[in-house]
Amino acid sequence: MTLYPRFIQHLNTALDALEASGVLPAGLDRGALTVEPPRDASHGDLSTNAAMVLAKPAGTNPRALAEAIGAELEKVDEVTAVEIAGPGFLNLRLAPSAWIDELRSIAAMGADYGRSDLGEGVTVNIEYVSANPTGPMHMGHCRGAVVGDALATLLEYSGHKVIREYYINDAGGQVDVLARSVHWRYREALGLESGDMPEGLYPGDYLVPLAKELAQELGDAQANAPEGDWLVMFRKRAVAAMMDMIRADLVLLGIHHDVFSSEAELQAAGKPEAAEAVLRARDLVYDGELEAPKGKVIEDWEPVELPLFRSTKFGDDQDRPIRKSDGSWTYFGADLAYHYQKAESADQLIDIWGADHAGTVKRIKAAVAALTEDREGGPARFDVRLVQMVKLMRGGEPLKMSKRSGNFVTLADVVNEVGKDVVRFTMLTRKADAQMEFDFEKVVEASKDNPVFYVQYAHARIHSIMRKAEAEGLAPSAEHLDLLGVEEHALIALAAQFPRIVESAALNREPHRIAFYLGDLAAAFHAFFNLGNDRPDKRIVMTHDAQTSAARLFMARNIGQVIANGLALMAVEAATQM
């Protein structure tokens, strides 16, 4: 058992003793109790809010309860002192043995240090990327792709069953535009078109290979045929080609989905009708007229009766149509049916969306709650994580767009220039809903100001130390860990936070917390290493003191293990040399 769960157990043992002695009433809710590092390291090694949380329901004074809890915790062998701060917070100071035991735990658990059963096997469907199949991946898709993939790995590591899903939007007007664009390129390949592509079509050169393939395959059979003769076939071929391109781009980022769901197939299977029937049965869809558009007056606007979802019942500002006036499904109507389908095979749903979709979050959450309300245990948990766009820079200047792609910078171009690891790590160095700049020069800079480099360098430095030690005839050993001092204990204490950081990141659906933590741990290790420059007695490799050196090598190797575990959650290589 790692340090923090162990001290939760110590705390519960102390509370059990107080219940048995009558100091606390039995049956108090302990769900909000925490054991965590104090904000100020000078206050101790661990802090708990137990007295503050339990005092009111116990009908007692927080400080008096803190004294009683503290007296019980002082009986724990690993605790050297208990101090009461403010109105009743308890700060604990730990014996060196606590840190040595944790270091041994890291060594024993290896790649599983930080892994947990927090998820208890709950199945979570994470839908991410879901770029329209109209061209190659561009950097507008990149951040959401990385956030979704890292979150999926994080949840798996935390004991969840994860379904990685991609929704192919192949039923809307944009795929008809794609088909027309390919047809124009097809005619161009036959020598029947020249000059600039007409406005409104997709202008990128990425359609040329498919168009040439069709020209070779079909000849001029569809060159002058009516659109109705070729549209469906061109659409199907174009979507398939674009999805092949998108999958290849995702592979460059190390991303693989378990499921690719087609909007066209969803509608053909009657899923929207099924969802509508469920909502009508619950009086959550009715036939009514939309309100007139707010703002400027539209002269030819006329009220039309449409099937409307009662989203105002869930806090929306107006009810929303699920069909258009021609009977086809609105984006919202198709989307709620898609979520209904996902909920059939998952306990929880997570969507990774661009921040420009923020306005639709409330209504789709309402629809999912309504469609799954009769499930055992209540409605499916549904989270939407919004991701801000990335501003591309080069040397502090906005980056010019790619001519090959039409009007965007491709993901492939970026990964090929700076590498998968740089892209993935950088995308997680900010909260997903915070603005981000991606400067091609800064992200490959070999400096401590570049978090990607600084974390990977820490791991590579540890391996360099091991190689140097081996050359000097030294090796890591757990035999004399009692020789480690205050500075080493502080470094181990930071490493010991990894399991709780993982659980916190999983609970809050925030994989960027792993990147933040790794930056702190790497900085702490670099600082410890540099301490040896000023104090020779603090060097890790010391041929004149083999026992201390062996203990520090053991510590360093396991700090490297924690860094490697964190990088693995981000699908970033733990470099062994740089």
Protein backbone atom coordinates (compact mmCIF):
# COMPACT_ATOMS: atom_id res chain seq x y z
CA MET A 1 0.00 0.00 0.00
CA THR A 2 1.36 3.43 -0.93
CA LEU A 3 1.76 6.31 1.52
CA TYR A 4 -1.48 8.27 1.19
CA PRO A 5 -3.91 5.32 1.28
CA ARG A 6 -1.90 3.99 4.22
CA PHE A 7 -2.40 7.21 6.15
CA ILE A 8 -6.09 7.31 5.27
CA GLN A 9 -6.16 3.89 6.90
CA HIS A 10 -4.26 5.23 9.94
CA LEU A 11 -6.78 8.08 10.16
CA ASN A 12 -9.74 5.71 10.00
CA THR A 13 -8.18 3.54 12.71
CA ALA A 14 -7.85 6.65 14.90
CA LEU A 15 -11.49 7.61 14.28
CA ASP A 16 -12.64 4.06 14.99
CA ALA A 17 -10.87 4.28 18.35
CA LEU A 18 -12.61 7.59 19.15
CA GLU A 19 -15.98 6.07 18.25
CA ALA A 20 -15.28 3.08 20.49
CA SER A 21 -14.42 5.37 23.40
CA GLY A 22 -17.52 7.54 22.87
CA VAL A 23 -15.63 10.68 21.83
CA LEU A 24 -17.28 10.47 18.39
CA PRO A 25 -20.75 9.18 17.59
CA ALA A 26 -20.85 6.14 15.32
CA GLY A 27 -21.79 6.33 11.66
CA LEU A 28 -20.42 9.77 10.74
CA ASP A 29 -19.86 10.26 7.01
CA ARG A 30 -16.12 10.18 6.33
CA GLY A 31 -16.37 10.69 2.58
CA ALA A 32 -15.02 14.25 2.64
CA LEU A 33 -11.93 13.45 4.73
CA THR A 34 -8.58 14.10 3.08
CA VAL A 35 -4.94 13.37 3.74
CA GLU A 36 -2.69 15.53 1.58
CA PRO A 37 0.53 17.52 1.64
CA PRO A 38 0.18 20.86 3.47
CA ARG A 39 0.32 23.90 1.19
CA ASP A 40 3.33 25.16 3.14
CA ALA A 41 5.99 22.43 3.43
CA SER A 42 7.27 24.02 6.65
CA HIS A 43 4.01 22.94 8.34
CA GLY A 44 4.87 19.26 8.06
CA ASP A 45 4.65 16.29 5.74
CA LEU A 46 0.93 15.51 5.73
CA SER A 47 -2.24 17.38 6.64
CA THR A 48 -5.80 16.23 7.33
CA ASN A 49 -9.09 18.10 7.56
CA ALA A 50 -10.73 15.37 9.67
CA ALA A 51 -11.48 17.52 12.73
CA MET A 52 -12.86 20.37 10.61
CA VAL A 53 -15.18 18.03 8.67
CA LEU A 54 -16.43 15.91 11.58
CA ALA A 55 -16.75 18.48 14.38
CA LYS A 56 -20.14 19.90 13.39
CA PRO A 57 -21.95 16.57 12.81
CA ALA A 58 -20.32 15.28 16.01
CA GLY A 59 -21.52 18.33 17.93
CA THR A 60 -18.08 19.24 19.21
CA ASN A 61 -15.39 21.90 18.86
CA PRO A 62 -13.02 21.38 15.89
CA ARG A 63 -9.90 22.14 17.87
CA ALA A 64 -10.89 19.86 20.74
CA LEU A 65 -11.63 17.08 18.24
CA ALA A 66 -8.28 17.74 16.54
CA GLU A 67 -6.52 17.18 19.85
CA ALA A 68 -8.31 13.86 20.34
CA ILE A 69 -7.53 12.70 16.78
CA GLY A 70 -3.95 13.91 17.11
CA ALA A 71 -3.45 11.87 20.29
CA GLU A 72 -4.47 8.73 18.39
CA LEU A 73 -2.28 9.53 15.37
CA GLU A 74 0.75 10.05 17.62
CA LYS A 75 0.55 6.30 18.35
CA VAL A 76 1.43 5.53 14.70
CA ASP A 77 5.08 4.45 14.39
CA GLU A 78 5.61 6.50 11.21
CA VAL A 79 4.48 9.74 12.91
CA THR A 80 7.02 11.76 14.89
CA ALA A 81 4.84 14.79 15.68
CA VAL A 82 1.28 16.06 15.32
CA GLU A 83 0.54 19.78 15.30
CA ILE A 84 -2.80 21.59 15.28
CA ALA A 85 -3.05 24.59 12.97
CA GLY A 86 -5.70 27.30 12.93
CA PRO A 87 -9.18 26.20 13.93
CA GLY A 88 -8.43 22.49 13.71
CA PHE A 89 -6.27 21.31 10.84
CA LEU A 90 -3.88 18.52 11.77
CA ASN A 91 -0.33 18.56 10.43
CA LEU A 92 1.81 15.44 10.73
CA ARG A 93 5.58 15.05 10.63
CA LEU A 94 6.82 11.66 9.52
CA ALA A 95 9.79 9.53 10.47
CA PRO A 96 12.48 8.87 7.81
CA SER A 97 11.26 5.27 7.71
CA ALA A 98 8.03 6.44 6.04
CA TRP A 99 9.95 7.78 3.04
CA ILE A 100 12.24 4.76 2.88
CA ASP A 101 9.21 2.46 2.88
CA GLU A 102 7.68 4.47 0.05
CA LEU A 103 10.88 4.30 -1.95
CA ARG A 104 10.83 0.54 -1.56
CA SER A 105 7.18 0.53 -2.71
CA ILE A 106 8.11 2.40 -5.90
CA ALA A 107 10.85 -0.15 -6.57
CA ALA A 108 8.55 -3.11 -5.88
CA MET A 109 5.63 -1.81 -7.97
CA GLY A 110 7.67 -0.44 -10.87
CA ALA A 111 5.43 0.47 -13.82
CA ASP A 112 2.36 -0.16 -11.65
CA TYR A 113 3.28 2.50 -9.09
CA GLY A 114 0.34 4.91 -9.36
CA ARG A 115 -2.05 2.36 -10.86
CA SER A 116 -5.32 1.98 -8.93
CA ASP A 117 -8.74 0.36 -8.92
CA LEU A 118 -10.46 3.72 -8.47
CA GLY A 119 -12.73 3.09 -11.46
CA GLU A 120 -13.89 -0.29 -10.16
CA GLY A 121 -14.29 -1.57 -13.70
CA VAL A 122 -16.81 1.10 -14.72
CA THR A 123 -17.02 1.40 -18.52
CA VAL A 124 -16.34 4.89 -19.85
CA ASN A 125 -16.88 5.89 -23.48
CA ILE A 126 -14.58 8.74 -24.51
CA GLU A 127 -15.35 10.34 -27.84
CA TYR A 128 -12.58 12.56 -29.16
CA VAL A 129 -11.26 14.02 -32.39
CA SER A 130 -14.40 13.27 -34.53
CA ALA A 131 -13.11 15.66 -37.18
CA ASN A 132 -15.36 16.04 -40.23
CA PRO A 133 -14.12 13.59 -42.92
CA THR A 134 -13.40 16.35 -45.39
CA GLY A 135 -9.61 16.51 -45.31
CA PRO A 136 -6.45 15.71 -43.36
CA MET A 137 -6.11 16.39 -39.65
CA HIS A 138 -5.01 19.92 -38.87
CA MET A 139 -3.74 21.55 -35.69
CA GLY A 140 -7.25 22.64 -34.80
CA HIS A 141 -7.93 18.96 -34.07
CA CYS A 142 -4.63 18.19 -32.35
CA ARG A 143 -5.22 19.43 -28.83
CA GLY A 144 -8.54 17.64 -28.39
CA ALA A 145 -7.01 14.47 -29.82
CA VAL A 146 -4.17 14.49 -27.29
CA VAL A 147 -6.38 15.47 -24.34
CA GLY A 148 -8.89 12.72 -25.17
CA ASP A 149 -6.25 10.06 -25.70
CA ALA A 150 -4.33 10.95 -22.53
CA LEU A 151 -7.57 10.96 -20.54
CA ALA A 152 -8.45 7.52 -21.90
CA THR A 153 -5.08 6.12 -20.82
CA LEU A 154 -5.35 7.83 -17.44
CA LEU A 155 -8.78 6.31 -16.77
CA GLU A 156 -7.59 2.85 -17.81
CA TYR A 157 -4.63 3.18 -15.43
CA SER A 158 -7.13 4.15 -12.73
CA GLY A 159 -9.22 1.02 -13.07
CA HIS A 160 -11.83 1.97 -15.66
CA LYS A 161 -12.75 0.06 -18.81
CA VAL A 162 -12.41 2.55 -21.64
CA ILE A 163 -13.95 2.70 -25.11
CA ARG A 164 -12.14 5.14 -27.39
CA GLU A 165 -14.63 6.33 -30.00
CA TYR A 166 -14.56 8.49 -33.14
CA TYR A 167 -17.82 9.82 -34.59
CA ILE A 168 -17.76 10.15 -38.36
CA ASN A 169 -19.98 13.06 -39.41
CA ASP A 170 -20.81 11.60 -42.81
CA ALA A 171 -24.50 12.51 -43.10
CA GLY A 172 -24.42 16.29 -43.37
CA GLY A 173 -24.10 18.75 -46.22
CA GLN A 174 -20.32 18.98 -45.81
CA VAL A 175 -19.81 15.48 -47.25
CA ASP A 176 -21.87 16.42 -50.31
CA VAL A 177 -19.56 19.41 -50.76
CA LEU A 178 -16.64 16.98 -50.40
CA ALA A 179 -18.07 14.75 -53.13
CA ARG A 180 -18.53 17.74 -55.45
CA SER A 181 -14.96 18.84 -54.73
CA VAL A 182 -13.63 15.40 -55.65
CA HIS A 183 -15.77 15.41 -58.80
CA TRP A 184 -14.26 18.74 -59.85
CA ARG A 185 -10.76 17.34 -59.24
CA TYR A 186 -11.78 14.23 -61.18
CA ARG A 187 -12.75 16.40 -64.15
CA GLU A 188 -9.49 18.30 -63.71
CA ALA A 189 -7.56 15.02 -63.87
CA LEU A 190 -9.34 14.32 -67.16
CA GLY A 191 -8.28 17.71 -68.51
CA LEU A 192 -11.82 19.08 -68.41
CA GLU A 193 -11.24 21.73 -65.70
CA SER A 194 -8.50 24.29 -65.21
CA GLY A 195 -7.82 27.32 -63.10
CA ASP A 196 -9.03 27.88 -59.55
CA MET A 197 -11.60 25.62 -57.97
CA PRO A 198 -15.03 27.27 -57.64
CA GLU A 199 -15.78 28.99 -54.36
CA GLY A 200 -17.52 26.82 -51.79
CA LEU A 201 -15.60 23.63 -52.60
CA TYR A 202 -12.63 22.23 -50.66
CA PRO A 203 -9.52 23.58 -52.41
CA GLY A 204 -6.74 21.45 -50.89
CA ASP A 205 -4.44 19.37 -53.06
CA TYR A 206 -5.10 16.37 -50.81
CA LEU A 207 -8.07 15.46 -53.04
CA VAL A 208 -5.91 15.11 -56.16
CA PRO A 209 -4.69 11.50 -55.57
CA LEU A 210 -8.26 10.22 -55.13
CA ALA A 211 -9.44 12.18 -58.17
CA LYS A 212 -6.67 10.68 -60.33
CA GLU A 213 -7.55 7.22 -59.05
CA LEU A 214 -11.19 7.75 -60.03
CA ALA A 215 -10.20 9.14 -63.42
CA GLN A 216 -8.11 6.04 -64.12
CA GLU A 217 -10.85 3.75 -62.85
CA LEU A 218 -13.91 5.40 -64.43
CA GLY A 219 -12.50 7.17 -67.42
CA ASP A 220 -14.86 10.00 -68.42
CA ALA A 221 -18.02 7.99 -67.63
CA GLN A 222 -19.10 10.35 -64.84
CA ALA A 223 -17.50 13.54 -66.13
CA ASN A 224 -20.68 15.04 -67.58
CA ALA A 225 -23.29 12.86 -65.87
CA PRO A 226 -26.02 14.50 -63.73
CA GLU A 227 -25.03 14.95 -60.10
CA GLY A 228 -27.67 12.46 -59.00
CA ASP A 229 -25.83 9.70 -60.91
CA TRP A 230 -22.46 10.11 -59.19
CA LEU A 231 -22.99 11.98 -55.90
CA VAL A 232 -23.57 8.95 -53.62
CA MET A 233 -20.66 6.96 -55.05
CA PHE A 234 -18.25 9.91 -54.97
CA ARG A 235 -19.35 10.71 -51.42
CA LYS A 236 -18.72 7.16 -50.24
CA ARG A 237 -15.30 6.95 -51.88
CA ALA A 238 -14.31 10.40 -50.67
CA VAL A 239 -15.29 9.75 -47.03
CA ALA A 240 -13.44 6.42 -47.05
CA ALA A 241 -10.32 8.08 -48.46
CA MET A 242 -10.47 10.94 -45.97
CA MET A 243 -10.89 8.52 -43.04
CA ASP A 244 -7.84 6.57 -44.22
CA MET A 245 -5.92 9.84 -44.24
CA ILE A 246 -7.23 10.81 -40.80
CA ARG A 247 -6.35 7.42 -39.30
CA ALA A 248 -2.83 7.73 -40.70
CA ASP A 249 -2.49 11.21 -39.18
CA LEU A 250 -3.70 9.92 -35.81
CA VAL A 251 -1.14 7.11 -35.91
CA LEU A 252 1.56 9.78 -36.15
CA LEU A 253 0.32 10.99 -32.76
CA GLY A 254 0.17 7.48 -31.36
CA ILE A 255 -3.64 7.51 -31.30
CA HIS A 256 -5.85 4.50 -32.07
CA HIS A 257 -9.62 4.38 -31.59
CA ASP A 258 -11.59 1.26 -30.66
CA VAL A 259 -14.78 2.29 -32.44
CA PHE A 260 -15.57 4.42 -35.49
CA SER A 261 -19.30 5.25 -35.55
CA SER A 262 -20.94 6.56 -38.71
CA GLU A 263 -23.65 9.23 -38.52
CA ALA A 264 -25.07 7.95 -41.82
CA GLU A 265 -25.31 4.41 -40.46
CA LEU A 266 -26.83 5.71 -37.23
CA GLN A 267 -29.62 7.40 -39.17
CA ALA A 268 -30.11 4.43 -41.49
CA ALA A 269 -30.58 2.21 -38.43
CA GLY A 270 -33.38 4.44 -37.14
CA LYS A 271 -31.59 5.49 -33.95
CA PRO A 272 -32.88 9.10 -34.04
CA GLU A 273 -36.46 7.87 -34.36
CA ALA A 274 -35.93 5.53 -31.41
CA ALA A 275 -34.55 8.37 -29.29
CA GLU A 276 -37.45 10.63 -30.29
CA ALA A 277 -39.94 7.93 -29.27
CA VAL A 278 -38.35 7.62 -25.82
CA LEU A 279 -38.41 11.37 -25.29
CA ARG A 280 -42.02 11.71 -26.49
CA ALA A 281 -43.06 8.95 -24.08
CA ARG A 282 -41.56 11.06 -21.29
CA ASP A 283 -43.23 14.24 -22.60
CA LEU A 284 -39.83 15.73 -23.36
CA VAL A 285 -40.47 16.14 -27.10
CA TYR A 286 -43.58 17.89 -28.42
CA ASP A 287 -44.69 19.50 -31.67
CA GLY A 288 -44.54 23.26 -31.40
CA GLU A 289 -43.40 26.46 -33.06
CA LEU A 290 -39.99 28.02 -32.58
CA GLU A 291 -39.80 31.55 -31.28
CA ALA A 292 -38.96 34.21 -33.84
CA PRO A 293 -35.19 34.84 -34.09
CA LYS A 294 -34.02 37.46 -31.63
CA GLY A 295 -32.28 40.60 -32.81
CA LYS A 296 -32.80 41.91 -36.33
CA VAL A 297 -36.14 41.30 -38.02
CA ILE A 298 -36.24 38.67 -40.82
CA GLU A 299 -38.98 39.78 -43.23
CA ASP A 300 -39.80 36.37 -44.72
CA TRP A 301 -39.71 34.48 -41.42
CA GLU A 302 -42.76 32.33 -40.81
CA PRO A 303 -43.50 30.09 -37.81
CA VAL A 304 -43.14 26.38 -38.58
CA GLU A 305 -44.29 23.51 -36.39
CA LEU A 306 -41.36 21.28 -35.48
CA PRO A 307 -40.65 18.52 -32.94
CA LEU A 308 -39.02 20.36 -30.02
CA PHE A 309 -37.03 18.99 -27.09
CA ARG A 310 -38.02 20.56 -23.76
CA SER A 311 -34.50 21.78 -23.01
CA THR A 312 -35.90 24.73 -21.02
CA LYS A 313 -36.86 22.14 -18.40
CA PHE A 314 -33.13 21.58 -17.93
CA GLY A 315 -32.04 25.22 -17.80
CA ASP A 316 -31.72 26.04 -21.51
CA ASP A 317 -33.05 29.40 -22.70
CA GLN A 318 -35.42 27.85 -25.28
CA ASP A 319 -36.65 24.48 -26.46
CA ARG A 320 -34.62 23.02 -29.31
CA PRO A 321 -35.79 21.40 -32.59
CA ILE A 322 -34.67 17.86 -33.31
CA ARG A 323 -35.87 17.94 -36.94
CA LYS A 324 -35.75 20.57 -39.67
CA SER A 325 -38.79 21.75 -41.61
CA ASP A 326 -37.97 19.26 -44.41
CA GLY A 327 -38.10 16.37 -41.92
CA SER A 328 -34.35 15.76 -41.82
CA TRP A 329 -32.60 15.64 -38.47
CA THR A 330 -30.99 18.71 -36.97
CA TYR A 331 -27.43 18.34 -35.75
CA PHE A 332 -28.83 18.27 -32.21
CA GLY A 333 -31.39 15.59 -33.10
CA ALA A 334 -28.75 13.31 -34.61
CA ASP A 335 -26.34 14.05 -31.78
CA LEU A 336 -28.73 13.10 -28.99
CA ALA A 337 -29.47 9.82 -30.81
CA TYR A 338 -25.74 9.15 -31.09
CA HIS A 339 -25.29 9.66 -27.35
CA TYR A 340 -28.25 7.38 -26.70
CA GLN A 341 -26.45 4.72 -28.73
CA LYS A 342 -23.18 5.21 -26.84
CA ALA A 343 -24.95 4.91 -23.50
CA GLU A 344 -26.14 1.43 -24.47
CA SER A 345 -22.62 0.06 -23.99
CA ALA A 346 -21.09 2.40 -21.39
CA ASP A 347 -21.76 3.48 -17.82
CA GLN A 348 -20.28 6.94 -18.31
CA LEU A 349 -19.76 9.21 -21.33
CA ILE A 350 -17.09 11.83 -21.94
CA ASP A 351 -16.96 14.11 -24.98
CA ILE A 352 -13.94 16.20 -25.93
CA TRP A 353 -15.24 19.24 -27.81
CA GLY A 354 -13.82 22.44 -29.20
CA ALA A 355 -14.61 25.50 -27.09
CA ASP A 356 -16.77 26.86 -29.92
CA HIS A 357 -19.37 24.19 -29.01
CA ALA A 358 -19.82 25.51 -25.47
CA GLY A 359 -23.33 26.75 -26.23
CA THR A 360 -24.64 23.23 -26.90
CA VAL A 361 -23.30 21.57 -23.75
CA LYS A 362 -26.32 22.25 -21.56
CA ARG A 363 -28.90 20.90 -24.02
CA ILE A 364 -27.04 17.71 -24.93
CA LYS A 365 -26.40 17.00 -21.24
CA ALA A 366 -30.13 17.44 -20.65
CA ALA A 367 -30.97 15.07 -23.49
CA VAL A 368 -28.57 12.38 -22.24
CA ALA A 369 -29.98 12.69 -18.72
CA ALA A 370 -33.53 12.32 -20.10
CA LEU A 371 -32.68 9.35 -22.34
CA THR A 372 -30.89 7.41 -19.58
CA GLU A 373 -32.96 8.36 -16.54
CA ASP A 374 -34.49 4.89 -16.16
CA ARG A 375 -31.12 3.12 -15.95
CA GLU A 376 -30.24 1.26 -12.78
CA GLY A 377 -28.35 3.71 -10.60
CA GLY A 378 -29.79 6.75 -12.35
CA PRO A 379 -28.82 8.68 -15.50
CA ALA A 380 -25.46 8.05 -17.10
CA ARG A 381 -22.72 10.38 -15.95
CA PHE A 382 -21.86 12.62 -18.89
CA ASP A 383 -18.94 15.05 -18.94
CA VAL A 384 -17.96 17.45 -21.69
CA ARG A 385 -14.38 18.75 -21.67
CA LEU A 386 -13.99 21.90 -23.75
CA VAL A 387 -10.69 22.47 -25.52
CA GLN A 388 -9.44 25.85 -26.70
CA MET A 389 -7.80 26.31 -30.08
CA VAL A 390 -4.02 26.42 -30.42
CA LYS A 391 -2.35 29.48 -31.88
CA LEU A 392 0.61 28.42 -34.02
CA MET A 393 3.72 30.59 -33.87
CA ARG A 394 7.26 30.54 -35.19
CA GLY A 395 9.78 32.69 -33.40
CA GLY A 396 7.01 34.70 -31.79
CA GLU A 397 5.24 35.42 -35.08
CA PRO A 398 1.92 33.87 -36.23
CA LEU A 399 2.52 30.97 -38.60
CA LYS A 400 1.47 31.21 -42.23
CA MET A 401 -1.00 28.65 -43.50
CA SER A 402 -0.19 25.58 -45.61
CA LYS A 403 -0.83 25.93 -49.34
CA ARG A 404 -1.10 22.16 -49.80
CA SER A 405 -4.02 21.95 -47.40
CA GLY A 406 -5.93 24.96 -48.58
CA ASN A 407 -6.17 27.08 -45.45
CA PHE A 408 -4.67 25.22 -42.48
CA VAL A 409 -1.49 23.68 -41.09
CA THR A 410 -1.65 19.89 -41.15
CA LEU A 411 -1.03 17.77 -38.11
CA ALA A 412 1.33 15.60 -40.12
CA ASP A 413 3.51 18.61 -41.00
CA VAL A 414 3.77 19.58 -37.33
CA VAL A 415 4.55 16.07 -36.05
CA ASN A 416 7.11 15.52 -38.80
CA GLU A 417 8.88 18.75 -37.86
CA VAL A 418 9.01 18.57 -34.05
CA GLY A 419 8.10 14.95 -33.21
CA LYS A 420 5.17 13.15 -31.58
CA ASP A 421 6.47 13.48 -28.02
CA VAL A 422 6.89 17.24 -28.25
CA VAL A 423 3.40 17.69 -29.67
CA ARG A 424 1.71 15.42 -27.12
CA PHE A 425 3.48 16.82 -24.06
CA THR A 426 3.03 20.43 -25.13
CA MET A 427 -0.72 19.97 -25.65
CA LEU A 428 -0.96 18.98 -21.96
CA THR A 429 1.06 21.85 -20.50
CA ARG A 430 -2.07 23.99 -20.07
CA LYS A 431 -5.57 23.29 -18.85
CA ALA A 432 -7.63 22.21 -21.83
CA ASP A 433 -9.94 25.22 -21.62
CA ALA A 434 -7.05 27.72 -21.40
CA GLN A 435 -5.60 29.52 -24.43
CA MET A 436 -2.39 28.04 -25.82
CA GLU A 437 0.41 29.13 -28.12
CA PHE A 438 2.53 26.53 -29.88
CA ASP A 439 5.79 28.10 -31.00
CA PHE A 440 7.79 25.76 -33.23
CA GLU A 441 11.09 27.18 -31.99
CA LYS A 442 10.29 27.20 -28.28
CA VAL A 443 8.88 23.66 -28.09
CA VAL A 444 12.20 22.18 -29.25
CA GLU A 445 14.37 24.51 -27.20
CA ALA A 446 16.84 22.70 -24.92
CA SER A 447 16.23 24.78 -21.81
CA LYS A 448 14.54 24.56 -18.44
CA ASP A 449 11.87 26.94 -19.78
CA ASN A 450 10.70 24.17 -22.11
CA PRO A 451 8.76 21.64 -19.97
CA VAL A 452 8.97 18.91 -22.62
CA PHE A 453 12.75 19.04 -22.68
CA TYR A 454 13.11 19.54 -18.92
CA VAL A 455 11.09 16.43 -17.99
CA GLN A 456 12.65 14.17 -20.61
CA TYR A 457 16.09 15.48 -19.69
CA ALA A 458 15.50 14.53 -16.04
CA HIS A 459 14.83 10.93 -17.06
CA ALA A 460 17.77 10.91 -19.48
CA ARG A 461 20.02 12.44 -16.80
CA ILE A 462 19.14 9.62 -14.38
CA HIS A 463 20.13 7.05 -16.99
CA SER A 464 23.36 8.95 -17.62
CA ILE A 465 24.09 8.84 -13.88
CA MET A 466 23.50 5.07 -13.88
CA ARG A 467 25.92 4.63 -16.78
CA LYS A 468 28.55 6.72 -15.02
CA ALA A 469 28.07 4.78 -11.78
CA GLU A 470 28.45 1.47 -13.59
CA ALA A 471 31.68 2.69 -15.13
CA GLU A 472 32.90 3.52 -11.62
CA GLY A 473 31.94 0.08 -10.31
CA LEU A 474 28.92 1.36 -8.36
CA ALA A 475 25.32 0.08 -8.46
CA PRO A 476 21.96 0.99 -6.89
CA SER A 477 21.19 -0.80 -3.64
CA ALA A 478 18.42 -0.67 -1.02
CA GLU A 479 20.74 -1.96 1.69
CA HIS A 480 21.70 1.37 3.28
CA LEU A 481 18.70 3.65 2.63
CA ASP A 482 19.02 4.93 6.21
CA LEU A 483 21.95 6.99 4.90
CA LEU A 484 19.58 9.19 2.89
CA GLY A 485 19.09 12.64 4.39
CA VAL A 486 16.58 15.46 4.53
CA GLU A 487 17.08 16.54 0.90
CA GLU A 488 16.55 12.99 -0.36
CA HIS A 489 13.47 12.56 1.81
CA ALA A 490 11.97 15.74 0.34
CA LEU A 491 12.49 14.36 -3.17
CA ILE A 492 10.92 11.02 -2.23
CA ALA A 493 8.00 12.87 -0.63
CA LEU A 494 7.30 14.57 -3.95
CA ALA A 495 7.53 11.25 -5.81
CA ALA A 496 5.13 9.76 -3.24
CA GLN A 497 2.45 12.16 -4.44
CA PHE A 498 2.24 10.48 -7.85
CA PRO A 499 -0.55 7.97 -7.01
CA ARG A 500 -2.77 10.67 -5.51
CA ILE A 501 -2.08 12.99 -8.49
CA VAL A 502 -3.17 10.20 -10.83
CA GLU A 503 -6.40 9.64 -8.90
CA SER A 504 -7.10 13.37 -8.71
CA ALA A 505 -6.50 13.77 -12.46
CA ALA A 506 -8.81 10.83 -13.20
CA LEU A 507 -11.58 12.01 -10.87
CA ASN A 508 -11.49 15.51 -12.35
CA ARG A 509 -10.98 14.35 -15.96
CA GLU A 510 -7.87 16.55 -16.22
CA PRO A 511 -4.83 14.79 -17.72
CA HIS A 512 -2.84 18.03 -17.72
CA ARG A 513 -2.31 17.51 -13.98
CA ILE A 514 0.15 14.74 -14.84
CA ALA A 515 2.23 17.12 -16.97
CA PHE A 516 2.20 19.76 -14.22
CA TYR A 517 3.31 17.21 -11.63
CA LEU A 518 6.10 15.83 -13.84
CA GLY A 519 7.42 19.36 -14.30
CA ASP A 520 7.62 19.77 -10.52
CA LEU A 521 9.26 16.39 -9.98
CA ALA A 522 11.79 16.95 -12.78
CA ALA A 523 12.68 20.38 -11.39
CA ALA A 524 13.15 18.91 -7.91
CA PHE A 525 15.45 16.19 -9.24
CA HIS A 526 17.52 18.65 -11.27
CA ALA A 527 17.84 20.83 -8.14
CA PHE A 528 18.99 17.84 -6.08
CA PHE A 529 21.53 16.89 -8.75
CA ASN A 530 22.83 20.45 -8.94
CA LEU A 531 23.20 20.50 -5.15
CA GLY A 532 26.20 18.24 -5.65
CA ASN A 533 27.96 20.97 -7.62
CA ASP A 534 28.12 23.13 -4.50
CA ARG A 535 28.30 20.33 -1.94
CA PRO A 536 30.46 17.36 -2.99
CA ASP A 537 29.02 15.32 -0.11
CA LYS A 538 25.60 15.51 -1.88
CA ARG A 539 26.77 14.04 -5.17
CA ILE A 540 25.02 10.90 -6.31
CA VAL A 541 28.10 9.10 -7.65
CA MET A 542 30.84 9.06 -4.98
CA THR A 543 33.54 6.40 -5.30
CA HIS A 544 34.85 7.23 -1.82
CA ASP A 545 31.46 6.45 -0.19
CA ALA A 546 30.00 3.45 -1.98
CA GLN A 547 27.20 2.84 0.53
CA THR A 548 25.73 6.36 0.37
CA SER A 549 26.21 6.42 -3.38
CA ALA A 550 24.37 3.09 -3.75
CA ALA A 551 21.45 4.44 -1.69
CA ARG A 552 21.24 7.63 -3.77
CA LEU A 553 21.46 5.64 -6.99
CA PHE A 554 18.56 3.50 -5.76
CA MET A 555 16.59 6.67 -5.03
CA ALA A 556 17.46 8.25 -8.39
CA ARG A 557 16.50 5.12 -10.33
CA ASN A 558 13.09 5.10 -8.68
CA ILE A 559 12.53 8.82 -9.22
CA GLY A 560 13.17 7.93 -12.86
CA GLN A 561 10.57 5.17 -12.59
CA VAL A 562 7.93 7.66 -11.43
CA ILE A 563 8.82 10.04 -14.26
CA ALA A 564 8.60 7.16 -16.75
CA ASN A 565 5.19 6.14 -15.37
CA GLY A 566 3.89 9.68 -15.77
CA LEU A 567 5.24 10.01 -19.30
CA ALA A 568 3.65 6.67 -20.21
CA LEU A 569 0.25 8.10 -19.26
CA MET A 570 0.90 10.82 -21.82
CA ALA A 571 2.24 8.34 -24.40
CA VAL A 572 5.54 10.25 -24.38
CA GLU A 573 8.84 8.38 -24.54
CA ALA A 574 10.97 8.34 -21.40
CA ALA A 575 14.25 9.28 -23.11
CA THR A 576 17.41 7.54 -21.88
CA GLN A 577 19.80 9.95 -23.57
CA MET A 578 19.55 13.38 -25.15
